Protein backbone atom coordinates (compact mmCIF):
# COMPACT_ATOMS: atom_id res chain seq x y z
CA UNK A 1 133.46 139.44 85.85
CA UNK A 2 136.13 140.43 83.19
CA UNK A 3 135.89 142.34 80.19
CA UNK A 4 135.84 140.61 76.87
CA UNK A 5 138.99 141.51 74.69
CA UNK A 6 138.94 143.74 71.82
CA UNK A 7 140.13 142.44 68.24
CA UNK A 8 142.43 145.68 67.62
CA UNK A 9 144.17 144.74 71.09
CA UNK A 10 144.89 140.77 69.74
CA UNK A 11 145.11 141.09 66.01
CA UNK A 12 146.68 143.54 63.42
CA UNK A 13 143.34 144.29 61.45
CA UNK A 14 145.51 146.45 58.80
CA UNK A 15 146.55 143.38 57.51
CA UNK A 16 145.58 140.18 56.34
CA UNK A 17 147.40 137.30 55.02
CA UNK A 18 145.92 133.76 54.00
CA UNK A 19 146.60 129.99 55.94
CA UNK A 20 146.11 127.00 53.67
CA UNK A 21 146.36 123.28 55.21
CA UNK A 22 144.22 120.89 56.79
CA UNK A 23 142.31 121.15 59.78
CA UNK A 24 143.60 119.17 62.79
CA UNK A 25 140.85 119.43 64.96
CA UNK A 26 138.18 122.35 66.38
CA UNK A 27 137.09 123.47 69.77
CA UNK A 28 134.03 125.14 70.48
CA UNK A 29 134.60 126.44 73.32
CA UNK A 30 131.74 129.33 73.98
CA UNK A 31 131.99 132.05 73.49
CA UNK A 32 135.00 131.05 71.13
CA UNK A 33 135.87 128.63 68.20
CA UNK A 34 139.77 127.47 67.95
CA UNK A 35 140.37 126.19 64.69
CA UNK A 36 143.81 124.18 64.73
CA UNK A 37 145.24 123.76 61.46
CA UNK A 38 148.17 122.25 59.95
CA UNK A 39 150.01 123.69 57.56
CA UNK A 40 153.91 124.15 55.60
CA UNK A 41 156.47 126.63 56.06
CA UNK A 42 158.57 127.61 53.29
CA UNK A 43 160.88 124.99 54.28
CA UNK A 44 158.23 122.41 53.75
CA UNK A 45 158.39 121.60 57.48
CA UNK A 46 154.93 121.21 59.02
CA UNK A 47 153.51 124.09 61.85
CA UNK A 48 150.48 124.37 63.62
CA UNK A 49 148.44 127.45 63.45
CA UNK A 50 145.37 128.15 66.08
CA UNK A 51 142.91 130.47 64.17
CA UNK A 52 140.85 132.35 67.03
CA UNK A 53 137.14 132.80 65.96
CA UNK A 54 133.74 134.11 66.51
CA UNK A 55 132.07 134.80 69.74
CA UNK A 56 128.74 133.36 68.15
CA UNK A 57 129.45 130.11 68.62
CA UNK A 58 126.31 128.67 68.31
CA UNK A 59 125.58 130.24 64.91
CA UNK A 60 128.89 129.67 63.46
CA UNK A 61 129.02 125.82 64.88
CA UNK A 62 125.51 124.72 63.38
CA UNK A 63 126.77 126.05 59.81
CA UNK A 64 130.61 124.76 59.75
CA UNK A 65 130.78 121.73 62.52
CA UNK A 66 129.74 118.99 59.71
CA UNK A 67 132.31 121.04 57.33
CA UNK A 68 135.54 121.12 59.62
CA UNK A 69 136.30 117.64 60.12
CA UNK A 70 139.74 116.87 60.78
CA UNK A 71 141.70 116.49 57.34
CA UNK A 72 139.80 118.55 55.52
CA UNK A 73 141.59 120.93 52.94
CA UNK A 74 141.07 124.71 53.62
CA UNK A 75 142.38 128.54 52.86
CA UNK A 76 141.46 130.82 55.68
CA UNK A 77 141.85 134.56 55.92
CA UNK A 78 143.59 135.74 59.09
CA UNK A 79 144.73 138.48 60.99
CA UNK A 80 147.98 138.01 62.32
CA UNK A 81 148.75 138.54 65.99
CA UNK A 82 149.71 142.71 66.70
CA UNK A 83 150.75 141.77 70.44
CA UNK A 84 152.19 138.39 71.69
CA UNK A 85 149.68 135.99 72.69
CA UNK A 86 149.62 132.39 74.00
CA UNK A 87 146.58 129.49 74.61
CA UNK A 88 146.48 128.59 78.16
CA UNK A 89 145.21 125.24 79.91
CA UNK A 90 141.85 126.18 79.75
CA UNK A 91 142.05 127.04 75.62
CA UNK A 92 141.63 130.66 76.16
CA UNK A 93 143.89 133.19 73.89
CA UNK A 94 145.65 135.37 76.24
CA UNK A 95 147.93 138.51 75.82
CA UNK A 96 151.39 137.73 77.12
CA UNK A 97 154.66 139.31 77.52
CA UNK A 98 157.39 139.57 74.06
CA UNK A 99 159.72 137.69 76.96
CA UNK A 100 157.44 135.18 77.39
CA UNK A 101 157.97 131.42 76.14
CA UNK A 102 154.87 130.73 75.80
CA UNK A 103 153.88 133.20 73.02
CA UNK A 104 152.98 132.33 69.66
CA UNK A 105 153.34 134.11 66.48
CA UNK A 106 151.11 131.23 64.97
CA UNK A 107 147.61 132.50 66.61
CA UNK A 108 145.56 134.68 64.27
CA UNK A 109 142.36 136.17 64.01
CA UNK A 110 139.39 134.14 62.14
CA UNK A 111 137.79 135.08 59.17
CA UNK A 112 136.30 133.59 56.01
CA UNK A 113 137.52 129.93 55.11
CA UNK A 114 137.37 128.34 51.91
CA UNK A 115 136.83 124.54 51.01
CA UNK A 116 138.19 122.90 48.05
CA UNK A 117 134.90 123.18 46.29
CA UNK A 118 135.00 126.83 46.50
CA UNK A 119 132.28 127.28 48.94
CA UNK A 120 133.06 129.83 51.67
CA UNK A 121 132.22 129.92 55.43
CA UNK A 122 133.17 132.04 58.31
CA UNK A 123 134.52 131.34 61.69
CA UNK A 124 134.94 135.01 62.60
CA UNK A 125 134.44 138.44 61.50
CA UNK A 126 138.31 139.09 60.44
CA UNK A 127 139.32 139.30 56.51
CA UNK A 128 137.50 137.67 53.70
CA UNK A 129 138.51 136.28 50.37
């Protein structure tokens, strides 16, 4: 058996950022959830963010699955990565080396989600609004 990773190793829990965009898709992969968010950078170019969510998938899924449909506009509070991360073919977020071409600075730790009507939900234990 392998040990479960710790959020402080993967994500900088001293910082919180807010992402805004539309849900592309959600992968409910026990024990995690991956929310793919289409956003735009400062130049207006599309960027895809991967929000790595809770290890309590059952409870999160029952509360959020119907609301996180593709095209749904949301804001998300997240922790930025602390170390280089990548998403492997099995949809698992893993640590990697700084020189690894697979790394992405857009894999973040999930917290609260705000919907366009103002409702708040969460996909992880990360930052709050």
